[in-house]
């Protein structure tokens, strides 16, 4: 097992992920750290990320669970949800 870092800008990460450890801002972009097993099957982790004040589709969020809130260096606040 290892810990890998993935960018989550695109909203989808495909990797042999065992557990999502954290999501934080790094160099102005949201990144995820995950515990992986290189011998395991690929798993798809989907993210929905919204800024404070941004309109959110209630139907989309029915499939997602709140994970955490991030703040970037210019003061934007991002709210991260992960698909169940």
PDB file of N, CA and C in Angstrom:
ATOM      1  N   UNK A   1       0.846  -1.180   0.000  1.00  0.00           N
ATOM      2  CA  UNK A   1       0.000   0.000   0.000  1.00  0.00           C
ATOM      3  C   UNK A   1       0.892   1.243   0.000  1.00  0.00           C
ATOM      4  N   UNK A   2       0.358   2.305  -0.563  1.00  0.00           N
ATOM      5  CA  UNK A   2       1.053   3.588  -0.626  1.00  0.00           C
ATOM      6  C   UNK A   2       0.025   4.709  -0.507  1.00  0.00           C
ATOM      7  N   UNK A   3       0.505   5.898  -0.274  1.00  0.00           N
ATOM      8  CA  UNK A   3      -0.351   7.081  -0.317  1.00  0.00           C
ATOM      9  C   UNK A   3       0.024   7.857  -1.569  1.00  0.00           C
ATOM     10  N   UNK A   4      -0.977   8.135  -2.419  1.00  0.00           N
ATOM     11  CA  UNK A   4      -0.783   8.895  -3.650  1.00  0.00           C
ATOM     12  C   UNK A   4      -1.614  10.170  -3.590  1.00  0.00           C
ATOM     13  N   UNK A   5      -1.194  11.139  -4.411  1.00  0.00           N
ATOM     14  CA  UNK A   5      -1.915  12.413  -4.524  1.00  0.00           C
ATOM     15  C   UNK A   5      -2.514  12.493  -5.922  1.00  0.00           C
ATOM     16  N   UNK A   6      -3.757  12.985  -6.010  1.00  0.00           N
ATOM     17  CA  UNK A   6      -4.457  13.127  -7.285  1.00  0.00           C
ATOM     18  C   UNK A   6      -5.123  14.492  -7.340  1.00  0.00           C
ATOM     19  N   UNK A   7      -5.097  15.136  -8.514  1.00  0.00           N
ATOM     20  CA  UNK A   7      -5.871  16.367  -8.708  1.00  0.00           C
ATOM     21  C   UNK A   7      -7.337  16.005  -8.850  1.00  0.00           C
ATOM     22  N   UNK A   8      -8.214  16.807  -8.278  1.00  0.00           N
ATOM     23  CA  UNK A   8      -9.648  16.522  -8.353  1.00  0.00           C
ATOM     24  C   UNK A   8     -10.409  17.571  -9.149  1.00  0.00           C
ATOM     25  N   UNK A   9      -9.700  18.406  -9.908  1.00  0.00           N
ATOM     26  CA  UNK A   9     -10.352  19.448 -10.715  1.00  0.00           C
ATOM     27  C   UNK A   9     -11.405  18.887 -11.651  1.00  0.00           C
ATOM     28  N   UNK A  10     -11.123  17.751 -12.275  1.00  0.00           N
ATOM     29  CA  UNK A  10     -12.037  17.188 -13.265  1.00  0.00           C
ATOM     30  C   UNK A  10     -13.260  16.540 -12.621  1.00  0.00           C
ATOM     31  N   UNK A  11     -13.212  16.306 -11.322  1.00  0.00           N
ATOM     32  CA  UNK A  11     -14.365  15.732 -10.633  1.00  0.00           C
ATOM     33  C   UNK A  11     -14.372  14.225 -10.567  1.00  0.00           C
ATOM     34  N   UNK A  12     -13.439  13.553 -11.256  1.00  0.00           N
ATOM     35  CA  UNK A  12     -13.385  12.094 -11.231  1.00  0.00           C
ATOM     36  C   UNK A  12     -11.936  11.649 -11.110  1.00  0.00           C
ATOM     37  N   UNK A  13     -11.700  10.693 -10.212  1.00  0.00           N
ATOM     38  CA  UNK A  13     -10.385  10.076 -10.075  1.00  0.00           C
ATOM     39  C   UNK A  13     -10.584   8.577 -10.190  1.00  0.00           C
ATOM     40  N   UNK A  14      -9.835   7.937 -11.100  1.00  0.00           N
ATOM     41  CA  UNK A  14      -9.857   6.480 -11.254  1.00  0.00           C
ATOM     42  C   UNK A  14      -8.501   5.950 -10.821  1.00  0.00           C
ATOM     43  N   UNK A  15      -8.506   5.103  -9.792  1.00  0.00           N
ATOM     44  CA  UNK A  15      -7.267   4.570  -9.243  1.00  0.00           C
ATOM     45  C   UNK A  15      -7.617   3.396  -8.327  1.00  0.00           C
ATOM     46  N   UNK A  16      -6.625   2.609  -7.926  1.00  0.00           N
ATOM     47  CA  UNK A  16      -6.888   1.505  -6.993  1.00  0.00           C
ATOM     48  C   UNK A  16      -6.995   2.012  -5.550  1.00  0.00           C
ATOM     49  N   UNK A  17      -7.979   2.835  -5.312  1.00  0.00           N
ATOM     50  CA  UNK A  17      -8.139   3.549  -4.036  1.00  0.00           C
ATOM     51  C   UNK A  17      -8.794   2.653  -2.990  1.00  0.00           C
ATOM     52  N   UNK A  18      -8.148   2.572  -1.839  1.00  0.00           N
ATOM     53  CA  UNK A  18      -8.734   1.878  -0.691  1.00  0.00           C
ATOM     54  C   UNK A  18      -9.485   2.853   0.201  1.00  0.00           C
ATOM     55  N   UNK A  19      -8.909   4.061   0.360  1.00  0.00           N
ATOM     56  CA  UNK A  19      -9.521   5.048   1.243  1.00  0.00           C
ATOM     57  C   UNK A  19      -9.082   6.457   0.856  1.00  0.00           C
ATOM     58  N   UNK A  20     -10.031   7.372   0.772  1.00  0.00           N
ATOM     59  CA  UNK A  20      -9.719   8.787   0.584  1.00  0.00           C
ATOM     60  C   UNK A  20      -9.301   9.330   1.944  1.00  0.00           C
ATOM     61  N   UNK A  21      -8.104   9.897   2.014  1.00  0.00           N
ATOM     62  CA  UNK A  21      -7.582  10.395   3.288  1.00  0.00           C
ATOM     63  C   UNK A  21      -7.913  11.864   3.516  1.00  0.00           C
ATOM     64  N   UNK A  22      -7.709  12.683   2.484  1.00  0.00           N
ATOM     65  CA  UNK A  22      -7.944  14.120   2.661  1.00  0.00           C
ATOM     66  C   UNK A  22      -8.030  14.795   1.296  1.00  0.00           C
ATOM     67  N   UNK A  23      -8.628  15.972   1.289  1.00  0.00           N
ATOM     68  CA  UNK A  23      -8.634  16.862   0.131  1.00  0.00           C
ATOM     69  C   UNK A  23      -8.238  18.232   0.658  1.00  0.00           C
ATOM     70  N   UNK A  24      -7.246  18.852   0.010  1.00  0.00           N
ATOM     71  CA  UNK A  24      -6.785  20.176   0.410  1.00  0.00           C
ATOM     72  C   UNK A  24      -6.408  20.967  -0.838  1.00  0.00           C
ATOM     73  N   UNK A  25      -6.227  22.271  -0.655  1.00  0.00           N
ATOM     74  CA  UNK A  25      -5.748  23.120  -1.735  1.00  0.00           C
ATOM     75  C   UNK A  25      -4.233  23.040  -1.777  1.00  0.00           C
ATOM     76  N   UNK A  26      -3.684  22.902  -2.997  1.00  0.00           N
ATOM     77  CA  UNK A  26      -2.241  22.921  -3.176  1.00  0.00           C
ATOM     78  C   UNK A  26      -1.953  23.624  -4.498  1.00  0.00           C
ATOM     79  N   UNK A  27      -1.169  24.672  -4.457  1.00  0.00           N
ATOM     80  CA  UNK A  27      -0.862  25.472  -5.654  1.00  0.00           C
ATOM     81  C   UNK A  27      -2.131  25.945  -6.358  1.00  0.00           C
ATOM     82  N   UNK A  28      -3.149  26.318  -5.565  1.00  0.00           N
ATOM     83  CA  UNK A  28      -4.382  26.866  -6.114  1.00  0.00           C
ATOM     84  C   UNK A  28      -5.356  25.853  -6.665  1.00  0.00           C
ATOM     85  N   UNK A  29      -5.082  24.556  -6.469  1.00  0.00           N
ATOM     86  CA  UNK A  29      -5.964  23.507  -7.000  1.00  0.00           C
ATOM     87  C   UNK A  29      -6.324  22.524  -5.888  1.00  0.00           C
ATOM     88  N   UNK A  30      -7.545  21.973  -5.941  1.00  0.00           N
ATOM     89  CA  UNK A  30      -7.890  20.943  -4.960  1.00  0.00           C
ATOM     90  C   UNK A  30      -7.228  19.615  -5.337  1.00  0.00           C
ATOM     91  N   UNK A  31      -6.577  18.993  -4.361  1.00  0.00           N
ATOM     92  CA  UNK A  31      -5.953  17.693  -4.570  1.00  0.00           C
ATOM     93  C   UNK A  31      -6.411  16.733  -3.474  1.00  0.00           C
ATOM     94  N   UNK A  32      -6.384  15.456  -3.809  1.00  0.00           N
ATOM     95  CA  UNK A  32      -6.809  14.407  -2.880  1.00  0.00           C
ATOM     96  C   UNK A  32      -5.618  13.519  -2.573  1.00  0.00           C
ATOM     97  N   UNK A  33      -5.492  13.123  -1.321  1.00  0.00           N
ATOM     98  CA  UNK A  33      -4.542  12.098  -0.935  1.00  0.00           C
ATOM     99  C   UNK A  33      -5.344  10.854  -0.602  1.00  0.00           C
ATOM    100  N   UNK A  34      -4.890   9.723  -1.120  1.00  0.00           N
ATOM    101  CA  UNK A  34      -5.624   8.481  -0.916  1.00  0.00           C
ATOM    102  C   UNK A  34      -4.666   7.335  -0.638  1.00  0.00           C
ATOM    103  N   UNK A  35      -5.133   6.406   0.168  1.00  0.00           N
ATOM    104  CA  UNK A  35      -4.420   5.160   0.403  1.00  0.00           C
ATOM    105  C   UNK A  35      -4.762   4.244  -0.762  1.00  0.00           C
ATOM    106  N   UNK A  36      -3.737   3.741  -1.441  1.00  0.00           N
ATOM    107  CA  UNK A  36      -3.997   2.899  -2.605  1.00  0.00           C
ATOM    108  C   UNK A  36      -3.290   1.556  -2.456  1.00  0.00           C
ATOM    109  N   UNK A  37      -3.784   0.582  -3.199  1.00  0.00           N
ATOM    110  CA  UNK A  37      -3.155  -0.723  -3.320  1.00  0.00           C
ATOM    111  C   UNK A  37      -2.965  -0.954  -4.812  1.00  0.00           C
ATOM    112  N   UNK A  38      -1.738  -0.900  -5.262  1.00  0.00           N
ATOM    113  CA  UNK A  38      -1.465  -0.994  -6.698  1.00  0.00           C
ATOM    114  C   UNK A  38      -1.950  -2.312  -7.306  1.00  0.00           C
ATOM    115  N   UNK A  39      -2.205  -3.323  -6.477  1.00  0.00           N
ATOM    116  CA  UNK A  39      -2.681  -4.619  -6.965  1.00  0.00           C
ATOM    117  C   UNK A  39      -4.205  -4.733  -6.947  1.00  0.00           C
ATOM    118  N   UNK A  40      -4.882  -3.719  -6.423  1.00  0.00           N
ATOM    119  CA  UNK A  40      -6.341  -3.751  -6.326  1.00  0.00           C
ATOM    120  C   UNK A  40      -6.979  -3.280  -7.635  1.00  0.00           C
ATOM    121  N   UNK A  41      -8.258  -3.534  -7.762  1.00  0.00           N
ATOM    122  CA  UNK A  41      -9.003  -3.072  -8.924  1.00  0.00           C
ATOM    123  C   UNK A  41      -9.169  -1.560  -8.882  1.00  0.00           C
ATOM    124  N   UNK A  42      -9.272  -0.965 -10.064  1.00  0.00           N
ATOM    125  CA  UNK A  42      -9.521   0.474 -10.169  1.00  0.00           C
ATOM    126  C   UNK A  42     -10.879   0.805  -9.556  1.00  0.00           C
ATOM    127  N   UNK A  43     -10.938   1.899  -8.867  1.00  0.00           N
ATOM    128  CA  UNK A  43     -12.178   2.411  -8.283  1.00  0.00           C
ATOM    129  C   UNK A  43     -12.354   3.840  -8.786  1.00  0.00           C
ATOM    130  N   UNK A  44     -13.573   4.207  -9.073  1.00  0.00           N
ATOM    131  CA  UNK A  44     -13.859   5.572  -9.494  1.00  0.00           C
ATOM    132  C   UNK A  44     -14.414   6.353  -8.309  1.00  0.00           C
ATOM    133  N   UNK A  45     -13.760   7.464  -7.999  1.00  0.00           N
ATOM    134  CA  UNK A  45     -14.235   8.369  -6.949  1.00  0.00           C
ATOM    135  C   UNK A  45     -14.677   9.641  -7.651  1.00  0.00           C
ATOM    136  N   UNK A  46     -15.949  10.021  -7.449  1.00  0.00           N
ATOM    137  CA  UNK A  46     -16.484  11.237  -8.072  1.00  0.00           C
ATOM    138  C   UNK A  46     -16.662  12.329  -7.032  1.00  0.00           C
ATOM    139  N   UNK A  47     -16.301  13.531  -7.440  1.00  0.00           N
ATOM    140  CA  UNK A  47     -16.396  14.705  -6.574  1.00  0.00           C
ATOM    141  C   UNK A  47     -17.367  15.719  -7.160  1.00  0.00           C
ATOM    142  N   UNK A  48     -18.032  16.440  -6.291  1.00  0.00           N
ATOM    143  CA  UNK A  48     -18.783  17.635  -6.664  1.00  0.00           C
ATOM    144  C   UNK A  48     -18.221  18.749  -5.786  1.00  0.00           C
ATOM    145  N   UNK A  49     -17.760  19.809  -6.410  1.00  0.00           N
ATOM    146  CA  UNK A  49     -17.139  20.903  -5.666  1.00  0.00           C
ATOM    147  C   UNK A  49     -17.875  22.191  -5.998  1.00  0.00           C
ATOM    148  N   UNK A  50     -18.320  22.883  -4.957  1.00  0.00           N
ATOM    149  CA  UNK A  50     -19.089  24.116  -5.117  1.00  0.00           C
ATOM    150  C   UNK A  50     -18.455  25.234  -4.302  1.00  0.00           C
ATOM    151  N   UNK A  51     -18.474  26.435  -4.855  1.00  0.00           N
ATOM    152  CA  UNK A  51     -18.051  27.614  -4.116  1.00  0.00           C
ATOM    153  C   UNK A  51     -19.197  28.085  -3.233  1.00  0.00           C
ATOM    154  N   UNK A  52     -18.863  28.808  -2.186  1.00  0.00           N
ATOM    155  CA  UNK A  52     -19.889  29.431  -1.364  1.00  0.00           C
ATOM    156  C   UNK A  52     -20.706  30.376  -2.238  1.00  0.00           C
ATOM    157  N   UNK A  53     -22.022  30.268  -2.161  1.00  0.00           N
ATOM    158  CA  UNK A  53     -22.920  31.119  -2.929  1.00  0.00           C
ATOM    159  C   UNK A  53     -23.292  30.566  -4.292  1.00  0.00           C
ATOM    160  N   UNK A  54     -22.637  29.513  -4.732  1.00  0.00           N
ATOM    161  CA  UNK A  54     -22.931  28.919  -6.034  1.00  0.00           C
ATOM    162  C   UNK A  54     -24.218  28.094  -5.951  1.00  0.00           C
ATOM    163  N   UNK A  55     -25.017  28.136  -7.006  1.00  0.00           N
ATOM    164  CA  UNK A  55     -26.251  27.350  -7.072  1.00  0.00           C
ATOM    165  C   UNK A  55     -25.902  25.857  -7.099  1.00  0.00           C
ATOM    166  N   UNK A  56     -26.640  25.067  -6.323  1.00  0.00           N
ATOM    167  CA  UNK A  56     -26.406  23.629  -6.229  1.00  0.00           C
ATOM    168  C   UNK A  56     -27.663  22.895  -6.656  1.00  0.00           C
ATOM    169  N   UNK A  57     -27.512  21.934  -7.559  1.00  0.00           N
ATOM    170  CA  UNK A  57     -28.623  21.111  -8.009  1.00  0.00           C
ATOM    171  C   UNK A  57     -28.923  20.062  -6.941  1.00  0.00           C
ATOM    172  N   UNK A  58     -30.097  20.149  -6.334  1.00  0.00           N
ATOM    173  CA  UNK A  58     -30.486  19.250  -5.250  1.00  0.00           C
ATOM    174  C   UNK A  58     -30.465  17.789  -5.692  1.00  0.00           C
ATOM    175  N   UNK A  59     -30.882  17.533  -6.931  1.00  0.00           N
ATOM    176  CA  UNK A  59     -30.918  16.157  -7.451  1.00  0.00           C
ATOM    177  C   UNK A  59     -29.508  15.561  -7.542  1.00  0.00           C
ATOM    178  N   UNK A  60     -28.545  16.364  -7.971  1.00  0.00           N
ATOM    179  CA  UNK A  60     -27.170  15.886  -8.081  1.00  0.00           C
ATOM    180  C   UNK A  60     -26.630  15.505  -6.706  1.00  0.00           C
ATOM    181  N   UNK A  61     -26.883  16.343  -5.716  1.00  0.00           N
ATOM    182  CA  UNK A  61     -26.322  16.095  -4.392  1.00  0.00           C
ATOM    183  C   UNK A  61     -26.970  14.924  -3.656  1.00  0.00           C
ATOM    184  N   UNK A  62     -28.087  14.407  -4.149  1.00  0.00           N
ATOM    185  CA  UNK A  62     -28.698  13.239  -3.505  1.00  0.00           C
ATOM    186  C   UNK A  62     -27.745  12.047  -3.510  1.00  0.00           C
ATOM    187  N   UNK A  63     -26.849  12.010  -4.479  1.00  0.00           N
ATOM    188  CA  UNK A  63     -25.909  10.893  -4.597  1.00  0.00           C
ATOM    189  C   UNK A  63     -24.564  11.171  -3.919  1.00  0.00           C
ATOM    190  N   UNK A  64     -24.391  12.365  -3.370  1.00  0.00           N
ATOM    191  CA  UNK A  64     -23.109  12.763  -2.796  1.00  0.00           C
ATOM    192  C   UNK A  64     -23.218  12.998  -1.299  1.00  0.00           C
ATOM    193  N   UNK A  65     -22.079  12.880  -0.631  1.00  0.00           N
ATOM    194  CA  UNK A  65     -21.996  13.121   0.805  1.00  0.00           C
ATOM    195  C   UNK A  65     -20.946  14.206   1.044  1.00  0.00           C
ATOM    196  N   UNK A  66     -21.248  15.129   1.938  1.00  0.00           N
ATOM    197  CA  UNK A  66     -20.307  16.196   2.264  1.00  0.00           C
ATOM    198  C   UNK A  66     -19.015  15.585   2.796  1.00  0.00           C
ATOM    199  N   UNK A  67     -17.855  16.113   2.328  1.00  0.00           N
ATOM    200  CA  UNK A  67     -16.560  15.627   2.806  1.00  0.00           C
ATOM    201  C   UNK A  67     -15.830  16.696   3.620  1.00  0.00           C
ATOM    202  N   UNK A  68     -15.652  17.897   3.037  1.00  0.00           N
ATOM    203  CA  UNK A  68     -14.978  18.962   3.789  1.00  0.00           C
ATOM    204  C   UNK A  68     -15.064  20.286   3.038  1.00  0.00           C
ATOM    205  N   UNK A  69     -14.620  21.359   3.688  1.00  0.00           N
ATOM    206  CA  UNK A  69     -14.581  22.697   3.117  1.00  0.00           C
ATOM    207  C   UNK A  69     -13.125  23.143   3.031  1.00  0.00           C
ATOM    208  N   UNK A  70     -12.768  23.779   1.899  1.00  0.00           N
ATOM    209  CA  UNK A  70     -11.417  24.262   1.658  1.00  0.00           C
ATOM    210  C   UNK A  70     -11.452  25.761   1.412  1.00  0.00           C
ATOM    211  N   UNK A  71     -10.331  26.429   1.653  1.00  0.00           N
ATOM    212  CA  UNK A  71     -10.220  27.840   1.311  1.00  0.00           C
ATOM    213  C   UNK A  71      -8.934  28.032   0.526  1.00  0.00           C
ATOM    214  N   UNK A  72      -9.027  28.725  -0.626  1.00  0.00           N
ATOM    215  CA  UNK A  72      -7.822  28.948  -1.424  1.00  0.00           C
ATOM    216  C   UNK A  72      -7.142  30.249  -1.022  1.00  0.00           C
ATOM    217  N   UNK A  73      -6.016  30.540  -1.677  1.00  0.00           N
ATOM    218  CA  UNK A  73      -5.195  31.683  -1.272  1.00  0.00           C
ATOM    219  C   UNK A  73      -5.814  33.033  -1.597  1.00  0.00           C
ATOM    220  N   UNK A  74      -6.839  33.071  -2.470  1.00  0.00           N
ATOM    221  CA  UNK A  74      -7.486  34.348  -2.772  1.00  0.00           C
ATOM    222  C   UNK A  74      -8.793  34.520  -1.995  1.00  0.00           C
ATOM    223  N   UNK A  75      -9.091  33.569  -1.117  1.00  0.00           N
ATOM    224  CA  UNK A  75     -10.257  33.702  -0.248  1.00  0.00           C
ATOM    225  C   UNK A  75     -11.506  32.987  -0.713  1.00  0.00           C
ATOM    226  N   UNK A  76     -11.462  32.287  -1.868  1.00  0.00           N
ATOM    227  CA  UNK A  76     -12.626  31.500  -2.276  1.00  0.00           C
ATOM    228  C   UNK A  76     -12.766  30.290  -1.366  1.00  0.00           C
ATOM    229  N   UNK A  77     -13.998  29.977  -1.021  1.00  0.00           N
ATOM    230  CA  UNK A  77     -14.265  28.830  -0.163  1.00  0.00           C
ATOM    231  C   UNK A  77     -14.943  27.758  -0.999  1.00  0.00           C
ATOM    232  N   UNK A  78     -14.369  26.549  -1.016  1.00  0.00           N
ATOM    233  CA  UNK A  78     -14.835  25.430  -1.809  1.00  0.00           C
ATOM    234  C   UNK A  78     -15.404  24.374  -0.865  1.00  0.00           C
ATOM    235  N   UNK A  79     -16.531  23.794  -1.247  1.00  0.00           N
ATOM    236  CA  UNK A  79     -17.175  22.750  -0.450  1.00  0.00           C
ATOM    237  C   UNK A  79     -17.144  21.458  -1.259  1.00  0.00           C
ATOM    238  N   UNK A  80     -16.527  20.434  -0.697  1.00  0.00           N
ATOM    239  CA  UNK A  80     -16.257  19.194  -1.418  1.00  0.00           C
ATOM    240  C   UNK A  80     -17.235  18.104  -0.975  1.00  0.00           C
ATOM    241  N   UNK A  81     -17.852  17.469  -1.974  1.00  0.00           N
ATOM    242  CA  UNK A  81     -18.759  16.339  -1.747  1.00  0.00           C
ATOM    243  C   UNK A  81     -18.208  15.150  -2.526  1.00  0.00           C
ATOM    244  N   UNK A  82     -18.346  13.931  -1.967  1.00  0.00           N
ATOM    245  CA  UNK A  82     -17.897  12.719  -2.634  1.00  0.00           C
ATOM    246  C   UNK A  82     -19.102  11.824  -2.868  1.00  0.00           C
ATOM    247  N   UNK A  83     -19.162  11.242  -4.080  1.00  0.00           N
ATOM    248  CA  UNK A  83     -20.280  10.366  -4.413  1.00  0.00           C
ATOM    249  C   UNK A  83     -20.231   9.108  -3.548  1.00  0.00           C
ATOM    250  N   UNK A  84     -21.390   8.739  -3.023  1.00  0.00           N
ATOM    251  CA  UNK A  84     -21.481   7.557  -2.155  1.00  0.00           C
ATOM    252  C   UNK A  84     -21.199   6.306  -2.917  1.00  0.00           C
TER     253      UNK A  84
END
